[in-house]
Structure formats: structure tokens, C-alpha cells
Amino acid sequence: MRNITRIATRAFAVLAITGAAACGGSDEGGAGPSSPAPASDVNGTYSLTQVRTQANLGGGGSGLPVTFIDGSGDAFVFLDGTLTLGTDGRFDLKVHTTFRGSPATLTDYGTYSASSGSVSFSSEKSTPRLSTGSVTGNTMTANSQFGSIPFEIELVR
């Protein structure tokens, strides 16, 4: 049953990309594990594996959980998360964190578009968390924002 679902999902993605190509989009096929993924191959569920700050925060490290310390000495901990890119062009992000010891789930959702491994997110939230990303093989690197702090997140499918 899982294989049938996967085949149907890929078939729908190919149809969607073919329609986008007719409107000026492109799909550069033949991508291997170290090449940027074509648009039809970015859909799926990705698990958060890495968070890097692009601001002046203490802490950090590799893997999860990872803790960052703000200027007030408060701990912001990333525990885990998922990003789902649907074949319908919609995305859903959920990141589990703690701030000052209190749990919080940070979310974002909306639509996305992909071309030659580049992904652009269009959030439906007033405080978007994702902007752009790129996919190489099964790994996505995306620019994000949690609070007013910019981060780069890495996710693996």
C-alpha cells in the first residue's frame, strides 16, 4: 500500500511540474544524490536535524537538541521538528522548542514552489518562519526566523 501511495504521489507531482513547465517553470531532470533535486522530487516529510543561528547568540552545537542563549541569559532549546511539502504545493512546519523552560510549538504553513532544487515559501501566517531553501539529495537547508532571530535549519527526508 505504501508503494502505491508513493507512486501516486510522484505521478501527481510529475503532472503538476509538467503544467508548471508549460507556464514558464522548469524541471531539470537527472539529478543525483549530490545534485540539486528537481522540483518533482522535493515533496515529502523532512525531519529537523540541525539549527544554526545567524545572529549573536551563545550556545549552539551540532545535532538536536541544541540550546542557544540570548543576551538576557535565557535558553532557547530546539528539540525536534518536521517540515512537510505536499504534492499539492502546500507546506506545514512544526518545531518543538522550550524557551525559559516552557515548551512551545512553532509553526508555519502556506504554499511553496520549487524549481531545480530551490524552494520558495509563501506563508499564510502574519509572522512567517520560512522564506527560501534548497534541496540536495534528501537534505533541505532553509532560511527561517523564530521570534526576531534568523536561523538556518537543516532537515532530512
N, C-alpha and C. Protein backbone atom coordinates (compact mmCIF):
# COMPACT_ATOMS: atom_id res chain seq x y z
N MET A 1 0.81 -1.19 0.00
CA MET A 1 0.00 0.00 0.00
C MET A 1 0.86 1.26 0.00
N ARG A 2 1.98 1.21 0.77
CA ARG A 2 2.86 2.36 0.83
C ARG A 2 3.47 2.66 -0.54
N ASN A 3 3.86 1.59 -1.29
CA ASN A 3 4.43 1.79 -2.62
C ASN A 3 3.41 2.40 -3.57
N ILE A 4 2.15 1.99 -3.48
CA ILE A 4 1.11 2.55 -4.34
C ILE A 4 0.93 4.02 -4.04
N THR A 5 0.93 4.38 -2.75
CA THR A 5 0.81 5.79 -2.37
C THR A 5 1.99 6.58 -2.88
N ARG A 6 3.20 6.04 -2.74
CA ARG A 6 4.39 6.74 -3.22
C ARG A 6 4.34 6.94 -4.73
N ILE A 7 3.93 5.91 -5.48
CA ILE A 7 3.83 6.01 -6.94
C ILE A 7 2.79 7.05 -7.32
N ALA A 8 1.64 7.03 -6.67
CA ALA A 8 0.58 8.01 -6.97
C ALA A 8 1.05 9.42 -6.64
N THR A 9 1.76 9.59 -5.53
CA THR A 9 2.27 10.91 -5.14
C THR A 9 3.25 11.43 -6.19
N ARG A 10 4.17 10.58 -6.61
CA ARG A 10 5.15 11.01 -7.63
C ARG A 10 4.47 11.31 -8.97
N ALA A 11 3.48 10.50 -9.34
CA ALA A 11 2.77 10.74 -10.60
C ALA A 11 2.06 12.09 -10.56
N PHE A 12 1.42 12.41 -9.45
CA PHE A 12 0.75 13.70 -9.32
C PHE A 12 1.77 14.83 -9.39
N ALA A 13 2.93 14.66 -8.74
CA ALA A 13 3.97 15.69 -8.76
C ALA A 13 4.47 15.92 -10.18
N VAL A 14 4.66 14.84 -10.93
CA VAL A 14 5.12 14.98 -12.32
C VAL A 14 4.10 15.75 -13.14
N LEU A 15 2.81 15.44 -12.96
CA LEU A 15 1.77 16.18 -13.67
C LEU A 15 1.78 17.65 -13.30
N ALA A 16 1.95 17.95 -12.01
CA ALA A 16 1.98 19.34 -11.55
C ALA A 16 3.18 20.07 -12.14
N ILE A 17 4.34 19.42 -12.18
CA ILE A 17 5.54 20.05 -12.72
C ILE A 17 5.41 20.25 -14.22
N THR A 18 4.82 19.29 -14.91
CA THR A 18 4.62 19.43 -16.35
C THR A 18 3.75 20.65 -16.64
N GLY A 19 2.71 20.84 -15.85
CA GLY A 19 1.86 22.02 -16.01
C GLY A 19 2.61 23.30 -15.71
N ALA A 20 3.47 23.30 -14.69
CA ALA A 20 4.25 24.48 -14.35
C ALA A 20 5.26 24.79 -15.46
N ALA A 21 5.85 23.76 -16.04
CA ALA A 21 6.82 23.97 -17.11
C ALA A 21 6.15 24.62 -18.32
N ALA A 22 4.91 24.26 -18.58
CA ALA A 22 4.19 24.86 -19.70
C ALA A 22 3.93 26.34 -19.46
N CYS A 23 3.96 26.76 -18.19
CA CYS A 23 3.73 28.16 -17.84
C CYS A 23 5.04 28.88 -17.59
N GLY A 24 6.15 28.32 -18.00
CA GLY A 24 7.43 29.00 -17.84
C GLY A 24 8.31 28.42 -16.77
N GLY A 25 7.86 27.44 -15.98
CA GLY A 25 8.69 26.80 -14.97
C GLY A 25 9.63 25.84 -15.65
N SER A 26 10.52 25.25 -14.89
CA SER A 26 11.42 24.28 -15.49
C SER A 26 11.62 23.12 -14.54
N ASP A 27 12.00 22.01 -15.11
CA ASP A 27 12.32 20.82 -14.34
C ASP A 27 13.55 20.21 -14.98
N GLU A 28 14.69 20.38 -14.31
CA GLU A 28 15.92 19.81 -14.83
C GLU A 28 16.07 18.42 -14.27
N GLY A 29 15.76 17.41 -15.06
CA GLY A 29 15.80 16.03 -14.60
C GLY A 29 17.21 15.52 -14.49
N GLY A 30 17.33 14.28 -14.05
CA GLY A 30 18.62 13.62 -13.98
C GLY A 30 19.44 13.96 -12.76
N ALA A 31 18.85 14.55 -11.75
CA ALA A 31 19.61 14.92 -10.57
C ALA A 31 19.95 13.69 -9.76
N GLY A 32 21.19 13.60 -9.31
CA GLY A 32 21.62 12.50 -8.46
C GLY A 32 21.66 12.95 -7.02
N PRO A 33 22.15 12.10 -6.13
CA PRO A 33 22.15 12.43 -4.72
C PRO A 33 22.96 13.68 -4.36
N SER A 34 23.97 14.03 -5.15
CA SER A 34 24.76 15.21 -4.83
C SER A 34 24.38 16.41 -5.69
N SER A 35 23.38 16.30 -6.54
CA SER A 35 22.93 17.39 -7.39
C SER A 35 21.66 18.00 -6.80
N PRO A 36 21.37 19.26 -7.15
CA PRO A 36 20.09 19.83 -6.69
C PRO A 36 18.93 18.98 -7.18
N ALA A 37 17.95 18.79 -6.31
CA ALA A 37 16.80 17.96 -6.66
C ALA A 37 15.87 18.71 -7.59
N PRO A 38 15.30 18.02 -8.61
CA PRO A 38 14.29 18.67 -9.44
C PRO A 38 13.03 18.91 -8.60
N ALA A 39 12.20 19.82 -9.06
CA ALA A 39 11.01 20.21 -8.31
C ALA A 39 10.13 19.03 -7.95
N SER A 40 10.02 18.04 -8.83
CA SER A 40 9.13 16.91 -8.56
C SER A 40 9.65 16.03 -7.43
N ASP A 41 10.89 16.20 -7.03
CA ASP A 41 11.47 15.34 -6.01
C ASP A 41 11.58 16.00 -4.63
N VAL A 42 11.07 17.20 -4.43
CA VAL A 42 11.23 17.84 -3.12
C VAL A 42 10.11 17.50 -2.16
N ASN A 43 8.97 16.99 -2.65
CA ASN A 43 7.86 16.74 -1.74
C ASN A 43 8.19 15.59 -0.80
N GLY A 44 7.56 15.62 0.36
CA GLY A 44 7.77 14.59 1.38
C GLY A 44 7.85 15.23 2.75
N THR A 45 8.16 14.42 3.74
CA THR A 45 8.30 14.90 5.11
C THR A 45 9.77 14.88 5.49
N TYR A 46 10.24 16.01 5.98
CA TYR A 46 11.63 16.20 6.39
C TYR A 46 11.69 16.34 7.90
N SER A 47 12.70 15.76 8.52
CA SER A 47 12.91 15.87 9.96
C SER A 47 14.04 16.85 10.25
N LEU A 48 13.82 17.71 11.21
CA LEU A 48 14.82 18.70 11.61
C LEU A 48 16.02 17.98 12.22
N THR A 49 17.23 18.29 11.70
CA THR A 49 18.44 17.64 12.20
C THR A 49 19.47 18.63 12.71
N GLN A 50 19.37 19.90 12.30
CA GLN A 50 20.39 20.89 12.63
C GLN A 50 19.78 22.27 12.65
N VAL A 51 20.21 23.11 13.58
CA VAL A 51 19.79 24.51 13.64
C VAL A 51 21.05 25.34 13.86
N ARG A 52 21.26 26.33 12.99
CA ARG A 52 22.39 27.24 13.12
C ARG A 52 21.86 28.66 13.22
N THR A 53 22.37 29.41 14.19
CA THR A 53 21.94 30.79 14.34
C THR A 53 22.66 31.68 13.34
N GLN A 54 21.98 32.71 12.90
CA GLN A 54 22.59 33.72 12.04
C GLN A 54 22.58 35.05 12.79
N ALA A 55 22.58 34.97 14.12
CA ALA A 55 22.56 36.15 14.98
C ALA A 55 23.60 35.96 16.08
N ASN A 56 23.69 36.92 16.96
CA ASN A 56 24.62 36.85 18.08
C ASN A 56 23.97 36.14 19.26
N LEU A 57 24.03 34.84 19.26
CA LEU A 57 23.52 34.04 20.36
C LEU A 57 24.63 33.13 20.85
N GLY A 58 24.62 32.87 22.14
CA GLY A 58 25.57 31.92 22.69
C GLY A 58 25.04 30.51 22.50
N GLY A 59 25.88 29.55 22.79
CA GLY A 59 25.46 28.16 22.70
C GLY A 59 25.61 27.62 21.30
N GLY A 60 24.71 26.75 20.93
CA GLY A 60 24.77 26.13 19.62
C GLY A 60 25.38 24.75 19.72
N GLY A 61 25.80 24.23 18.62
CA GLY A 61 26.36 22.88 18.57
C GLY A 61 25.76 22.14 17.40
N SER A 62 26.09 20.87 17.31
CA SER A 62 25.57 20.08 16.20
C SER A 62 24.53 19.10 16.70
N GLY A 63 23.59 18.77 15.84
CA GLY A 63 22.53 17.84 16.19
C GLY A 63 21.45 18.48 17.04
N LEU A 64 20.53 17.65 17.48
CA LEU A 64 19.41 18.09 18.33
C LEU A 64 19.36 17.22 19.57
N PRO A 65 18.94 17.72 20.68
CA PRO A 65 18.53 19.09 20.92
C PRO A 65 19.75 20.02 20.91
N VAL A 66 19.48 21.29 20.61
CA VAL A 66 20.53 22.30 20.62
C VAL A 66 20.00 23.53 21.37
N THR A 67 20.86 24.12 22.19
CA THR A 67 20.48 25.24 23.04
C THR A 67 21.21 26.51 22.61
N PHE A 68 20.44 27.60 22.51
CA PHE A 68 21.01 28.92 22.26
C PHE A 68 20.66 29.80 23.45
N ILE A 69 21.57 30.71 23.79
CA ILE A 69 21.38 31.61 24.91
C ILE A 69 21.30 33.04 24.38
N ASP A 70 20.20 33.74 24.73
CA ASP A 70 20.07 35.13 24.26
C ASP A 70 20.84 36.09 25.18
N GLY A 71 20.82 37.37 24.86
CA GLY A 71 21.55 38.39 25.61
C GLY A 71 21.13 38.50 27.06
N SER A 72 19.93 38.06 27.40
CA SER A 72 19.44 38.10 28.78
C SER A 72 19.78 36.83 29.55
N GLY A 73 20.44 35.88 28.89
CA GLY A 73 20.78 34.62 29.54
C GLY A 73 19.69 33.58 29.48
N ASP A 74 18.62 33.85 28.71
CA ASP A 74 17.52 32.89 28.59
C ASP A 74 17.86 31.82 27.55
N ALA A 75 17.50 30.58 27.87
CA ALA A 75 17.78 29.44 26.99
C ALA A 75 16.63 29.21 26.02
N PHE A 76 16.98 29.06 24.74
CA PHE A 76 16.05 28.71 23.67
C PHE A 76 16.53 27.38 23.12
N VAL A 77 15.76 26.31 23.36
CA VAL A 77 16.18 24.95 23.00
C VAL A 77 15.32 24.42 21.87
N PHE A 78 15.97 23.95 20.81
CA PHE A 78 15.29 23.28 19.71
C PHE A 78 15.33 21.79 19.99
N LEU A 79 14.17 21.15 20.09
CA LEU A 79 14.09 19.73 20.43
C LEU A 79 13.98 18.85 19.20
N ASP A 80 13.00 19.13 18.34
CA ASP A 80 12.78 18.38 17.12
C ASP A 80 11.80 19.14 16.25
N GLY A 81 11.56 18.63 15.06
CA GLY A 81 10.61 19.29 14.18
C GLY A 81 10.45 18.55 12.87
N THR A 82 9.40 18.92 12.15
CA THR A 82 9.15 18.34 10.83
C THR A 82 8.68 19.43 9.88
N LEU A 83 8.99 19.23 8.62
CA LEU A 83 8.51 20.07 7.54
C LEU A 83 7.93 19.13 6.50
N THR A 84 6.65 19.32 6.17
CA THR A 84 6.01 18.50 5.15
C THR A 84 5.75 19.36 3.93
N LEU A 85 6.23 18.90 2.77
CA LEU A 85 5.97 19.54 1.49
C LEU A 85 5.04 18.62 0.72
N GLY A 86 3.79 19.04 0.55
CA GLY A 86 2.80 18.22 -0.12
C GLY A 86 2.89 18.32 -1.63
N THR A 87 2.37 17.32 -2.30
CA THR A 87 2.33 17.33 -3.76
C THR A 87 1.36 18.39 -4.27
N ASP A 88 0.52 18.93 -3.38
CA ASP A 88 -0.44 19.97 -3.75
C ASP A 88 0.16 21.37 -3.66
N GLY A 89 1.48 21.47 -3.37
CA GLY A 89 2.13 22.77 -3.30
C GLY A 89 1.98 23.46 -1.94
N ARG A 90 1.55 22.72 -0.93
CA ARG A 90 1.38 23.29 0.41
C ARG A 90 2.47 22.76 1.34
N PHE A 91 2.85 23.59 2.32
CA PHE A 91 3.83 23.16 3.31
C PHE A 91 3.28 23.34 4.72
N ASP A 92 3.85 22.57 5.65
CA ASP A 92 3.46 22.63 7.05
C ASP A 92 4.72 22.39 7.89
N LEU A 93 5.07 23.37 8.73
CA LEU A 93 6.25 23.28 9.58
C LEU A 93 5.82 23.24 11.04
N LYS A 94 6.41 22.33 11.81
CA LYS A 94 6.20 22.26 13.26
C LYS A 94 7.55 22.03 13.90
N VAL A 95 7.94 22.93 14.82
CA VAL A 95 9.20 22.82 15.54
C VAL A 95 8.91 22.88 17.03
N HIS A 96 9.35 21.85 17.75
CA HIS A 96 9.15 21.79 19.20
C HIS A 96 10.37 22.40 19.89
N THR A 97 10.10 23.35 20.78
CA THR A 97 11.14 24.08 21.47
C THR A 97 10.79 24.24 22.95
N THR A 98 11.74 24.78 23.69
CA THR A 98 11.45 25.33 25.01
C THR A 98 12.12 26.70 25.07
N PHE A 99 11.49 27.63 25.74
CA PHE A 99 12.06 28.95 25.98
C PHE A 99 11.83 29.27 27.45
N ARG A 100 12.94 29.53 28.14
CA ARG A 100 12.88 29.75 29.59
C ARG A 100 12.24 28.55 30.30
N GLY A 101 12.45 27.36 29.75
CA GLY A 101 11.93 26.14 30.35
C GLY A 101 10.50 25.79 30.00
N SER A 102 9.79 26.68 29.30
CA SER A 102 8.40 26.41 28.92
C SER A 102 8.34 25.87 27.49
N PRO A 103 7.59 24.77 27.29
CA PRO A 103 7.50 24.20 25.94
C PRO A 103 6.67 25.08 25.00
N ALA A 104 7.06 25.07 23.74
CA ALA A 104 6.33 25.80 22.71
C ALA A 104 6.49 25.07 21.38
N THR A 105 5.43 25.05 20.58
CA THR A 105 5.50 24.52 19.23
C THR A 105 5.40 25.70 18.27
N LEU A 106 6.43 25.88 17.48
CA LEU A 106 6.49 26.96 16.50
C LEU A 106 6.02 26.40 15.17
N THR A 107 5.11 27.10 14.51
CA THR A 107 4.52 26.58 13.28
C THR A 107 4.63 27.59 12.14
N ASP A 108 4.47 27.08 10.96
CA ASP A 108 4.32 27.88 9.76
C ASP A 108 3.60 27.00 8.74
N TYR A 109 2.85 27.61 7.85
CA TYR A 109 2.14 26.86 6.82
C TYR A 109 1.79 27.81 5.69
N GLY A 110 1.54 27.24 4.54
CA GLY A 110 1.20 28.03 3.36
C GLY A 110 1.51 27.24 2.11
N THR A 111 1.99 27.95 1.09
CA THR A 111 2.31 27.30 -0.17
C THR A 111 3.81 27.41 -0.45
N TYR A 112 4.27 26.53 -1.32
CA TYR A 112 5.67 26.58 -1.73
C TYR A 112 5.75 26.33 -3.22
N SER A 113 6.85 26.79 -3.80
CA SER A 113 7.14 26.47 -5.19
C SER A 113 8.59 26.01 -5.24
N ALA A 114 8.88 25.12 -6.17
CA ALA A 114 10.22 24.55 -6.28
C ALA A 114 10.64 24.50 -7.74
N SER A 115 11.91 24.77 -7.97
CA SER A 115 12.47 24.69 -9.30
C SER A 115 13.95 24.38 -9.18
N SER A 116 14.38 23.30 -9.80
CA SER A 116 15.79 22.91 -9.83
C SER A 116 16.43 22.88 -8.45
N GLY A 117 15.69 22.39 -7.46
CA GLY A 117 16.24 22.25 -6.13
C GLY A 117 16.09 23.47 -5.23
N SER A 118 15.65 24.61 -5.77
CA SER A 118 15.40 25.80 -4.95
C SER A 118 13.93 25.81 -4.55
N VAL A 119 13.68 26.19 -3.31
CA VAL A 119 12.32 26.21 -2.79
C VAL A 119 12.02 27.59 -2.23
N SER A 120 10.86 28.14 -2.60
CA SER A 120 10.38 29.42 -2.05
C SER A 120 9.10 29.16 -1.29
N PHE A 121 9.03 29.71 -0.07
CA PHE A 121 7.86 29.52 0.78
C PHE A 121 7.05 30.80 0.84
N SER A 122 5.74 30.66 0.77
CA SER A 122 4.82 31.79 0.91
C SER A 122 3.89 31.47 2.08
N SER A 123 4.19 32.05 3.22
CA SER A 123 3.48 31.74 4.45
C SER A 123 2.10 32.38 4.47
N GLU A 124 1.17 31.72 5.14
CA GLU A 124 -0.16 32.27 5.37
C GLU A 124 -0.27 32.85 6.77
N LYS A 125 0.84 32.87 7.50
CA LYS A 125 0.85 33.42 8.84
C LYS A 125 1.32 34.87 8.81
N SER A 126 0.92 35.65 9.80
CA SER A 126 1.36 37.04 9.88
C SER A 126 2.83 37.12 10.30
N THR A 127 3.35 36.08 10.92
CA THR A 127 4.76 36.02 11.29
C THR A 127 5.39 34.78 10.63
N PRO A 128 5.76 34.89 9.36
CA PRO A 128 6.33 33.73 8.65
C PRO A 128 7.62 33.25 9.30
N ARG A 129 7.84 31.96 9.22
CA ARG A 129 9.07 31.37 9.77
C ARG A 129 10.02 30.91 8.66
N LEU A 130 9.51 30.57 7.49
CA LEU A 130 10.35 30.09 6.38
C LEU A 130 10.31 31.09 5.23
N SER A 131 11.44 31.23 4.53
CA SER A 131 11.47 32.10 3.36
C SER A 131 11.94 31.33 2.13
N THR A 132 13.17 30.84 2.14
CA THR A 132 13.71 30.11 0.99
C THR A 132 14.49 28.90 1.47
N GLY A 133 14.74 27.99 0.55
CA GLY A 133 15.53 26.81 0.88
C GLY A 133 16.09 26.18 -0.37
N SER A 134 16.90 25.16 -0.16
CA SER A 134 17.43 24.39 -1.28
C SER A 134 17.49 22.93 -0.87
N VAL A 135 17.30 22.06 -1.86
CA VAL A 135 17.32 20.62 -1.62
C VAL A 135 18.42 19.99 -2.46
N THR A 136 19.26 19.22 -1.79
CA THR A 136 20.28 18.42 -2.45
C THR A 136 20.13 17.00 -1.93
N GLY A 137 19.81 16.08 -2.83
CA GLY A 137 19.54 14.71 -2.39
C GLY A 137 18.33 14.69 -1.48
N ASN A 138 18.48 14.17 -0.28
CA ASN A 138 17.39 14.12 0.69
C ASN A 138 17.52 15.18 1.77
N THR A 139 18.40 16.16 1.58
CA THR A 139 18.65 17.18 2.60
C THR A 139 18.17 18.55 2.13
N MET A 140 17.40 19.21 3.00
CA MET A 140 16.97 20.58 2.73
C MET A 140 17.65 21.52 3.72
N THR A 141 18.14 22.63 3.21
CA THR A 141 18.65 23.72 4.04
C THR A 141 17.73 24.90 3.78
N ALA A 142 17.19 25.48 4.85
CA ALA A 142 16.21 26.56 4.69
C ALA A 142 16.53 27.73 5.61
N ASN A 143 16.20 28.93 5.15
CA ASN A 143 16.30 30.13 5.96
C ASN A 143 15.02 30.29 6.75
N SER A 144 15.16 30.51 8.04
CA SER A 144 14.00 30.59 8.91
C SER A 144 14.16 31.73 9.90
N GLN A 145 13.08 31.99 10.60
CA GLN A 145 13.10 33.01 11.63
C GLN A 145 12.20 32.55 12.77
N PHE A 146 12.74 32.56 13.97
CA PHE A 146 11.97 32.20 15.16
C PHE A 146 12.06 33.39 16.09
N GLY A 147 10.91 34.01 16.37
CA GLY A 147 10.92 35.30 17.04
C GLY A 147 11.48 36.29 16.04
N SER A 148 12.40 37.10 16.46
CA SER A 148 13.04 38.03 15.52
C SER A 148 14.45 37.57 15.18
N ILE A 149 14.76 36.30 15.46
CA ILE A 149 16.11 35.78 15.28
C ILE A 149 16.18 34.91 14.02
N PRO A 150 17.11 35.26 13.10
CA PRO A 150 17.26 34.43 11.90
C PRO A 150 18.09 33.18 12.18
N PHE A 151 17.63 32.06 11.62
CA PHE A 151 18.32 30.78 11.74
C PHE A 151 18.39 30.13 10.37
N GLU A 152 19.34 29.22 10.23
CA GLU A 152 19.40 28.32 9.08
C GLU A 152 19.11 26.93 9.65
N ILE A 153 18.12 26.26 9.06
CA ILE A 153 17.78 24.94 9.56
C ILE A 153 18.10 23.90 8.49
N GLU A 154 18.44 22.71 8.95
CA GLU A 154 18.71 21.60 8.05
C GLU A 154 17.75 20.48 8.39
N LEU A 155 17.16 19.91 7.36
CA LEU A 155 16.18 18.85 7.53
C LEU A 155 16.50 17.72 6.56
N VAL A 156 16.20 16.49 6.97
CA VAL A 156 16.48 15.32 6.14
C VAL A 156 15.21 14.53 5.93
N ARG A 157 14.99 14.10 4.68
CA ARG A 157 13.81 13.30 4.32
C ARG A 157 14.10 11.84 4.55
